[in-house]
């Protein structure tokens, strides 16, 4: 019954602003991850630190959100494995 909406067709200006904010948040997250890799020689700084990531997506794109979560999870697990070696 639901029809998949084409990407980048916004309902209104608020919808577009929210989308742009999410794009900015993703870029900011990428920057933070790069900054944290600078401290990778000091893992004790991050021991028992909480990790929280919120992934959001557009309507009917749940599969993409789930896949992105899997990518982030795999990257974190690989980083943890690399630091244990």
PDB file of N, CA and C in Angstrom:
ATOM      1  N   UNK A   1       0.809  -1.188   0.000  1.00  0.00           N
ATOM      2  CA  UNK A   1       0.000   0.000   0.000  1.00  0.00           C
ATOM      3  C   UNK A   1       0.859   1.262   0.000  1.00  0.00           C
ATOM      4  N   UNK A   2       1.903   1.241   0.836  1.00  0.00           N
ATOM      5  CA  UNK A   2       2.784   2.404   0.875  1.00  0.00           C
ATOM      6  C   UNK A   2       3.661   2.422  -0.360  1.00  0.00           C
ATOM      7  N   UNK A   3       3.876   3.589  -0.870  1.00  0.00           N
ATOM      8  CA  UNK A   3       4.735   3.759  -2.033  1.00  0.00           C
ATOM      9  C   UNK A   3       6.024   4.410  -1.557  1.00  0.00           C
ATOM     10  N   UNK A   4       7.149   3.855  -1.973  1.00  0.00           N
ATOM     11  CA  UNK A   4       8.429   4.408  -1.571  1.00  0.00           C
ATOM     12  C   UNK A   4       8.584   5.799  -2.168  1.00  0.00           C
ATOM     13  N   UNK A   5       8.950   6.732  -1.288  1.00  0.00           N
ATOM     14  CA  UNK A   5       9.128   8.111  -1.731  1.00  0.00           C
ATOM     15  C   UNK A   5      10.523   8.286  -2.334  1.00  0.00           C
ATOM     16  N   UNK A   6      10.639   9.006  -3.445  1.00  0.00           N
ATOM     17  CA  UNK A   6      11.967   9.238  -4.019  1.00  0.00           C
ATOM     18  C   UNK A   6      12.809  10.083  -3.064  1.00  0.00           C
ATOM     19  N   UNK A   7      14.122   9.858  -3.033  1.00  0.00           N
ATOM     20  CA  UNK A   7      14.978  10.628  -2.120  1.00  0.00           C
ATOM     21  C   UNK A   7      15.028  12.101  -2.517  1.00  0.00           C
ATOM     22  N   UNK A   8      15.224  12.919  -1.530  1.00  0.00           N
ATOM     23  CA  UNK A   8      15.428  14.364  -1.691  1.00  0.00           C
ATOM     24  C   UNK A   8      14.210  15.106  -2.234  1.00  0.00           C
ATOM     25  N   UNK A   9      13.034  14.565  -2.038  1.00  0.00           N
ATOM     26  CA  UNK A   9      11.817  15.323  -2.289  1.00  0.00           C
ATOM     27  C   UNK A   9      11.214  15.597  -0.924  1.00  0.00           C
ATOM     28  N   UNK A  10      11.305  16.824  -0.494  1.00  0.00           N
ATOM     29  CA  UNK A  10      10.949  17.179   0.866  1.00  0.00           C
ATOM     30  C   UNK A  10       9.483  17.604   0.957  1.00  0.00           C
ATOM     31  N   UNK A  11       8.895  17.345   2.128  1.00  0.00           N
ATOM     32  CA  UNK A  11       7.507  17.746   2.359  1.00  0.00           C
ATOM     33  C   UNK A  11       7.389  19.268   2.474  1.00  0.00           C
ATOM     34  N   UNK A  12       8.380  19.877   3.140  1.00  0.00           N
ATOM     35  CA  UNK A  12       8.354  21.327   3.370  1.00  0.00           C
ATOM     36  C   UNK A  12       9.755  21.783   3.767  1.00  0.00           C
ATOM     37  N   UNK A  13       9.893  23.051   4.089  1.00  0.00           N
ATOM     38  CA  UNK A  13      11.209  23.598   4.445  1.00  0.00           C
ATOM     39  C   UNK A  13      11.746  22.986   5.740  1.00  0.00           C
ATOM     40  N   UNK A  14      10.851  22.696   6.682  1.00  0.00           N
ATOM     41  CA  UNK A  14      11.284  22.083   7.940  1.00  0.00           C
ATOM     42  C   UNK A  14      11.850  20.681   7.697  1.00  0.00           C
ATOM     43  N   UNK A  15      11.214  19.934   6.830  1.00  0.00           N
ATOM     44  CA  UNK A  15      11.708  18.606   6.475  1.00  0.00           C
ATOM     45  C   UNK A  15      13.091  18.700   5.837  1.00  0.00           C
ATOM     46  N   UNK A  16      13.275  19.666   4.957  1.00  0.00           N
ATOM     47  CA  UNK A  16      14.578  19.855   4.316  1.00  0.00           C
ATOM     48  C   UNK A  16      15.635  20.264   5.345  1.00  0.00           C
ATOM     49  N   UNK A  17      15.269  21.156   6.261  1.00  0.00           N
ATOM     50  CA  UNK A  17      16.214  21.599   7.297  1.00  0.00           C
ATOM     51  C   UNK A  17      16.619  20.424   8.185  1.00  0.00           C
ATOM     52  N   UNK A  18      15.666  19.560   8.518  1.00  0.00           N
ATOM     53  CA  UNK A  18      15.961  18.393   9.337  1.00  0.00           C
ATOM     54  C   UNK A  18      16.916  17.448   8.610  1.00  0.00           C
ATOM     55  N   UNK A  19      16.697  17.257   7.325  1.00  0.00           N
ATOM     56  CA  UNK A  19      17.571  16.414   6.508  1.00  0.00           C
ATOM     57  C   UNK A  19      18.994  16.979   6.491  1.00  0.00           C
ATOM     58  N   UNK A  20      19.103  18.290   6.293  1.00  0.00           N
ATOM     59  CA  UNK A  20      20.419  18.926   6.263  1.00  0.00           C
ATOM     60  C   UNK A  20      21.113  18.802   7.621  1.00  0.00           C
ATOM     61  N   UNK A  21      20.342  18.904   8.696  1.00  0.00           N
ATOM     62  CA  UNK A  21      20.901  18.755  10.031  1.00  0.00           C
ATOM     63  C   UNK A  21      21.463  17.349  10.220  1.00  0.00           C
ATOM     64  N   UNK A  22      20.739  16.363   9.713  1.00  0.00           N
ATOM     65  CA  UNK A  22      21.213  14.975   9.819  1.00  0.00           C
ATOM     66  C   UNK A  22      22.493  14.772   9.016  1.00  0.00           C
ATOM     67  N   UNK A  23      22.562  15.385   7.830  1.00  0.00           N
ATOM     68  CA  UNK A  23      23.788  15.285   7.033  1.00  0.00           C
ATOM     69  C   UNK A  23      24.956  15.907   7.796  1.00  0.00           C
ATOM     70  N   UNK A  24      24.709  17.059   8.428  1.00  0.00           N
ATOM     71  CA  UNK A  24      25.746  17.726   9.201  1.00  0.00           C
ATOM     72  C   UNK A  24      26.162  16.850  10.376  1.00  0.00           C
ATOM     73  N   UNK A  25      25.186  16.221  11.040  1.00  0.00           N
ATOM     74  CA  UNK A  25      25.493  15.363  12.181  1.00  0.00           C
ATOM     75  C   UNK A  25      26.386  14.200  11.763  1.00  0.00           C
ATOM     76  N   UNK A  26      26.126  13.624  10.584  1.00  0.00           N
ATOM     77  CA  UNK A  26      26.951  12.526  10.096  1.00  0.00           C
ATOM     78  C   UNK A  26      28.388  12.994   9.850  1.00  0.00           C
ATOM     79  N   UNK A  27      28.537  14.185   9.262  1.00  0.00           N
ATOM     80  CA  UNK A  27      29.882  14.716   9.038  1.00  0.00           C
ATOM     81  C   UNK A  27      30.586  14.985  10.357  1.00  0.00           C
ATOM     82  N   UNK A  28      29.841  15.501  11.339  1.00  0.00           N
ATOM     83  CA  UNK A  28      30.413  15.762  12.648  1.00  0.00           C
ATOM     84  C   UNK A  28      30.851  14.457  13.313  1.00  0.00           C
ATOM     85  N   UNK A  29      30.032  13.428  13.198  1.00  0.00           N
ATOM     86  CA  UNK A  29      30.389  12.122  13.758  1.00  0.00           C
ATOM     87  C   UNK A  29      31.665  11.592  13.111  1.00  0.00           C
ATOM     88  N   UNK A  30      31.791  11.739  11.806  1.00  0.00           N
ATOM     89  CA  UNK A  30      33.002  11.296  11.117  1.00  0.00           C
ATOM     90  C   UNK A  30      34.233  12.029  11.639  1.00  0.00           C
ATOM     91  N   UNK A  31      34.074  13.326  11.878  1.00  0.00           N
ATOM     92  CA  UNK A  31      35.180  14.134  12.408  1.00  0.00           C
ATOM     93  C   UNK A  31      35.554  13.663  13.813  1.00  0.00           C
ATOM     94  N   UNK A  32      34.550  13.396  14.638  1.00  0.00           N
ATOM     95  CA  UNK A  32      34.810  12.954  16.007  1.00  0.00           C
ATOM     96  C   UNK A  32      35.539  11.616  16.008  1.00  0.00           C
ATOM     97  N   UNK A  33      35.116  10.703  15.143  1.00  0.00           N
ATOM     98  CA  UNK A  33      35.785   9.395  15.065  1.00  0.00           C
ATOM     99  C   UNK A  33      37.250   9.575  14.679  1.00  0.00           C
ATOM    100  N   UNK A  34      37.526  10.474  13.739  1.00  0.00           N
ATOM    101  CA  UNK A  34      38.917  10.727  13.352  1.00  0.00           C
ATOM    102  C   UNK A  34      39.701  11.324  14.509  1.00  0.00           C
ATOM    103  N   UNK A  35      39.081  12.228  15.265  1.00  0.00           N
ATOM    104  CA  UNK A  35      39.751  12.817  16.422  1.00  0.00           C
ATOM    105  C   UNK A  35      40.035  11.760  17.484  1.00  0.00           C
ATOM    106  N   UNK A  36      39.080  10.871  17.717  1.00  0.00           N
ATOM    107  CA  UNK A  36      39.286   9.827  18.714  1.00  0.00           C
ATOM    108  C   UNK A  36      40.401   8.883  18.310  1.00  0.00           C
ATOM    109  N   UNK A  37      40.573   8.670  17.019  1.00  0.00           N
ATOM    110  CA  UNK A  37      41.648   7.785  16.583  1.00  0.00           C
ATOM    111  C   UNK A  37      43.015   8.378  16.927  1.00  0.00           C
ATOM    112  N   UNK A  38      43.068   9.699  17.109  1.00  0.00           N
ATOM    113  CA  UNK A  38      44.303  10.362  17.541  1.00  0.00           C
ATOM    114  C   UNK A  38      44.718   9.860  18.920  1.00  0.00           C
ATOM    115  N   UNK A  39      43.721   9.538  19.762  1.00  0.00           N
ATOM    116  CA  UNK A  39      44.000   9.081  21.118  1.00  0.00           C
ATOM    117  C   UNK A  39      44.080   7.559  21.219  1.00  0.00           C
ATOM    118  N   UNK A  40      44.168   6.872  20.105  1.00  0.00           N
ATOM    119  CA  UNK A  40      44.143   5.412  20.137  1.00  0.00           C
ATOM    120  C   UNK A  40      45.329   4.820  20.895  1.00  0.00           C
ATOM    121  N   UNK A  41      46.398   5.605  21.088  1.00  0.00           N
ATOM    122  CA  UNK A  41      47.538   5.117  21.860  1.00  0.00           C
ATOM    123  C   UNK A  41      47.272   5.176  23.362  1.00  0.00           C
ATOM    124  N   UNK A  42      46.157   5.771  23.761  1.00  0.00           N
ATOM    125  CA  UNK A  42      45.806   5.906  25.169  1.00  0.00           C
ATOM    126  C   UNK A  42      44.447   5.262  25.437  1.00  0.00           C
ATOM    127  N   UNK A  43      44.323   3.955  25.258  1.00  0.00           N
ATOM    128  CA  UNK A  43      43.011   3.317  25.440  1.00  0.00           C
ATOM    129  C   UNK A  43      42.466   3.457  26.855  1.00  0.00           C
ATOM    130  N   UNK A  44      43.331   3.647  27.841  1.00  0.00           N
ATOM    131  CA  UNK A  44      42.870   3.788  29.222  1.00  0.00           C
ATOM    132  C   UNK A  44      41.962   5.006  29.381  1.00  0.00           C
ATOM    133  N   UNK A  45      42.129   6.001  28.520  1.00  0.00           N
ATOM    134  CA  UNK A  45      41.273   7.185  28.586  1.00  0.00           C
ATOM    135  C   UNK A  45      39.816   6.839  28.316  1.00  0.00           C
ATOM    136  N   UNK A  46      39.576   5.770  27.577  1.00  0.00           N
ATOM    137  CA  UNK A  46      38.221   5.429  27.165  1.00  0.00           C
ATOM    138  C   UNK A  46      37.673   4.180  27.851  1.00  0.00           C
ATOM    139  N   UNK A  47      38.410   3.651  28.813  1.00  0.00           N
ATOM    140  CA  UNK A  47      37.946   2.441  29.489  1.00  0.00           C
ATOM    141  C   UNK A  47      36.609   2.704  30.169  1.00  0.00           C
ATOM    142  N   UNK A  48      35.649   1.821  29.901  1.00  0.00           N
ATOM    143  CA  UNK A  48      34.301   1.885  30.471  1.00  0.00           C
ATOM    144  C   UNK A  48      33.520   3.134  30.065  1.00  0.00           C
ATOM    145  N   UNK A  49      33.966   3.811  29.023  1.00  0.00           N
ATOM    146  CA  UNK A  49      33.229   4.979  28.548  1.00  0.00           C
ATOM    147  C   UNK A  49      31.964   4.526  27.827  1.00  0.00           C
ATOM    148  N   UNK A  50      30.858   5.218  28.054  1.00  0.00           N
ATOM    149  CA  UNK A  50      29.626   4.815  27.356  1.00  0.00           C
ATOM    150  C   UNK A  50      29.674   5.176  25.878  1.00  0.00           C
ATOM    151  N   UNK A  51      29.014   4.375  25.090  1.00  0.00           N
ATOM    152  CA  UNK A  51      28.921   4.646  23.655  1.00  0.00           C
ATOM    153  C   UNK A  51      27.445   4.694  23.294  1.00  0.00           C
ATOM    154  N   UNK A  52      27.073   5.733  22.589  1.00  0.00           N
ATOM    155  CA  UNK A  52      25.685   5.861  22.153  1.00  0.00           C
ATOM    156  C   UNK A  52      25.676   6.446  20.746  1.00  0.00           C
ATOM    157  N   UNK A  53      24.964   5.795  19.863  1.00  0.00           N
ATOM    158  CA  UNK A  53      24.847   6.273  18.494  1.00  0.00           C
ATOM    159  C   UNK A  53      23.377   6.200  18.108  1.00  0.00           C
ATOM    160  N   UNK A  54      22.886   7.282  17.547  1.00  0.00           N
ATOM    161  CA  UNK A  54      21.513   7.288  17.053  1.00  0.00           C
ATOM    162  C   UNK A  54      21.562   7.388  15.540  1.00  0.00           C
ATOM    163  N   UNK A  55      20.957   6.434  14.879  1.00  0.00           N
ATOM    164  CA  UNK A  55      20.914   6.419  13.425  1.00  0.00           C
ATOM    165  C   UNK A  55      19.465   6.635  13.006  1.00  0.00           C
ATOM    166  N   UNK A  56      19.243   7.616  12.147  1.00  0.00           N
ATOM    167  CA  UNK A  56      17.889   7.882  11.684  1.00  0.00           C
ATOM    168  C   UNK A  56      17.852   7.848  10.169  1.00  0.00           C
ATOM    169  N   UNK A  57      16.684   7.623   9.633  1.00  0.00           N
ATOM    170  CA  UNK A  57      16.541   7.564   8.184  1.00  0.00           C
ATOM    171  C   UNK A  57      15.179   8.060   7.756  1.00  0.00           C
ATOM    172  N   UNK A  58      15.001   8.122   6.490  1.00  0.00           N
ATOM    173  CA  UNK A  58      13.738   8.593   5.937  1.00  0.00           C
ATOM    174  C   UNK A  58      12.697   7.477   5.963  1.00  0.00           C
ATOM    175  N   UNK A  59      11.477   7.834   5.726  1.00  0.00           N
ATOM    176  CA  UNK A  59      10.368   6.896   5.709  1.00  0.00           C
ATOM    177  C   UNK A  59      10.638   5.741   4.736  1.00  0.00           C
ATOM    178  N   UNK A  60      10.337   4.547   5.197  1.00  0.00           N
ATOM    179  CA  UNK A  60      10.477   3.315   4.420  1.00  0.00           C
ATOM    180  C   UNK A  60      11.925   2.980   4.047  1.00  0.00           C
ATOM    181  N   UNK A  61      12.876   3.515   4.788  1.00  0.00           N
ATOM    182  CA  UNK A  61      14.286   3.187   4.545  1.00  0.00           C
ATOM    183  C   UNK A  61      14.896   2.519   5.774  1.00  0.00           C
ATOM    184  N   UNK A  62      14.085   1.691   6.437  1.00  0.00           N
ATOM    185  CA  UNK A  62      14.548   1.017   7.638  1.00  0.00           C
ATOM    186  C   UNK A  62      15.744   0.111   7.361  1.00  0.00           C
ATOM    187  N   UNK A  63      15.743  -0.533   6.200  1.00  0.00           N
ATOM    188  CA  UNK A  63      16.848  -1.435   5.868  1.00  0.00           C
ATOM    189  C   UNK A  63      18.175  -0.686   5.810  1.00  0.00           C
ATOM    190  N   UNK A  64      18.148   0.531   5.271  1.00  0.00           N
ATOM    191  CA  UNK A  64      19.375   1.333   5.192  1.00  0.00           C
ATOM    192  C   UNK A  64      19.854   1.720   6.585  1.00  0.00           C
ATOM    193  N   UNK A  65      18.935   2.055   7.474  1.00  0.00           N
ATOM    194  CA  UNK A  65      19.298   2.419   8.846  1.00  0.00           C
ATOM    195  C   UNK A  65      19.896   1.212   9.568  1.00  0.00           C
ATOM    196  N   UNK A  66      19.267   0.063   9.400  1.00  0.00           N
ATOM    197  CA  UNK A  66      19.785  -1.153  10.032  1.00  0.00           C
ATOM    198  C   UNK A  66      21.167  -1.480   9.485  1.00  0.00           C
ATOM    199  N   UNK A  67      21.351  -1.366   8.184  1.00  0.00           N
ATOM    200  CA  UNK A  67      22.660  -1.659   7.574  1.00  0.00           C
ATOM    201  C   UNK A  67      23.723  -0.696   8.078  1.00  0.00           C
ATOM    202  N   UNK A  68      23.378   0.581   8.210  1.00  0.00           N
ATOM    203  CA  UNK A  68      24.349   1.543   8.727  1.00  0.00           C
ATOM    204  C   UNK A  68      24.731   1.195  10.158  1.00  0.00           C
ATOM    205  N   UNK A  69      23.746   0.770  10.949  1.00  0.00           N
ATOM    206  CA  UNK A  69      24.052   0.328  12.314  1.00  0.00           C
ATOM    207  C   UNK A  69      24.999  -0.851  12.325  1.00  0.00           C
ATOM    208  N   UNK A  70      24.806  -1.784  11.398  1.00  0.00           N
ATOM    209  CA  UNK A  70      25.707  -2.936  11.295  1.00  0.00           C
ATOM    210  C   UNK A  70      27.114  -2.499  10.903  1.00  0.00           C
ATOM    211  N   UNK A  71      27.211  -1.539   9.998  1.00  0.00           N
ATOM    212  CA  UNK A  71      28.528  -1.039   9.572  1.00  0.00           C
ATOM    213  C   UNK A  71      29.262  -0.407  10.744  1.00  0.00           C
ATOM    214  N   UNK A  72      28.551   0.419  11.519  1.00  0.00           N
ATOM    215  CA  UNK A  72      29.160   1.064  12.689  1.00  0.00           C
ATOM    216  C   UNK A  72      29.580  -0.001  13.705  1.00  0.00           C
ATOM    217  N   UNK A  73      28.712  -0.974  13.950  1.00  0.00           N
ATOM    218  CA  UNK A  73      29.016  -2.041  14.899  1.00  0.00           C
ATOM    219  C   UNK A  73      30.254  -2.823  14.463  1.00  0.00           C
ATOM    220  N   UNK A  74      30.324  -3.178  13.181  1.00  0.00           N
ATOM    221  CA  UNK A  74      31.491  -3.902  12.656  1.00  0.00           C
ATOM    222  C   UNK A  74      32.770  -3.084  12.801  1.00  0.00           C
ATOM    223  N   UNK A  75      32.675  -1.782  12.528  1.00  0.00           N
ATOM    224  CA  UNK A  75      33.857  -0.921  12.638  1.00  0.00           C
ATOM    225  C   UNK A  75      34.339  -0.839  14.082  1.00  0.00           C
ATOM    226  N   UNK A  76      33.408  -0.718  15.018  1.00  0.00           N
ATOM    227  CA  UNK A  76      33.793  -0.658  16.432  1.00  0.00           C
ATOM    228  C   UNK A  76      34.418  -1.975  16.886  1.00  0.00           C
ATOM    229  N   UNK A  77      33.820  -3.080  16.468  1.00  0.00           N
ATOM    230  CA  UNK A  77      34.384  -4.384  16.850  1.00  0.00           C
ATOM    231  C   UNK A  77      35.780  -4.588  16.257  1.00  0.00           C
ATOM    232  N   UNK A  78      35.980  -4.143  15.032  1.00  0.00           N
ATOM    233  CA  UNK A  78      37.308  -4.269  14.394  1.00  0.00           C
ATOM    234  C   UNK A  78      38.329  -3.422  15.134  1.00  0.00           C
ATOM    235  N   UNK A  79      37.930  -2.235  15.545  1.00  0.00           N
ATOM    236  CA  UNK A  79      38.847  -1.351  16.278  1.00  0.00           C
ATOM    237  C   UNK A  79      39.210  -1.962  17.628  1.00  0.00           C
ATOM    238  N   UNK A  80      38.228  -2.559  18.304  1.00  0.00           N
ATOM    239  CA  UNK A  80      38.489  -3.196  19.596  1.00  0.00           C
ATOM    240  C   UNK A  80      39.434  -4.380  19.409  1.00  0.00           C
ATOM    241  N   UNK A  81      39.214  -5.189  18.381  1.00  0.00           N
ATOM    242  CA  UNK A  81      40.094  -6.320  18.104  1.00  0.00           C
ATOM    243  C   UNK A  81      41.514  -5.852  17.806  1.00  0.00           C
ATOM    244  N   UNK A  82      41.631  -4.764  17.047  1.00  0.00           N
ATOM    245  CA  UNK A  82      42.953  -4.253  16.675  1.00  0.00           C
ATOM    246  C   UNK A  82      43.713  -3.772  17.899  1.00  0.00           C
ATOM    247  N   UNK A  83      43.005  -3.190  18.869  1.00  0.00           N
ATOM    248  CA  UNK A  83      43.689  -2.678  20.055  1.00  0.00           C
ATOM    249  C   UNK A  83      44.075  -3.812  21.023  1.00  0.00           C
ATOM    250  N   UNK A  84      43.395  -4.962  20.920  1.00  0.00           N
ATOM    251  CA  UNK A  84      43.736  -6.102  21.783  1.00  0.00           C
ATOM    252  C   UNK A  84      44.968  -6.837  21.300  1.00  0.00           C
ATOM    253  N   UNK A  85      45.289  -6.700  20.021  1.00  0.00           N
ATOM    254  CA  UNK A  85      46.430  -7.450  19.460  1.00  0.00           C
ATOM    255  C   UNK A  85      47.716  -6.864  19.843  1.00  0.00           C
TER     256      UNK A  85
END
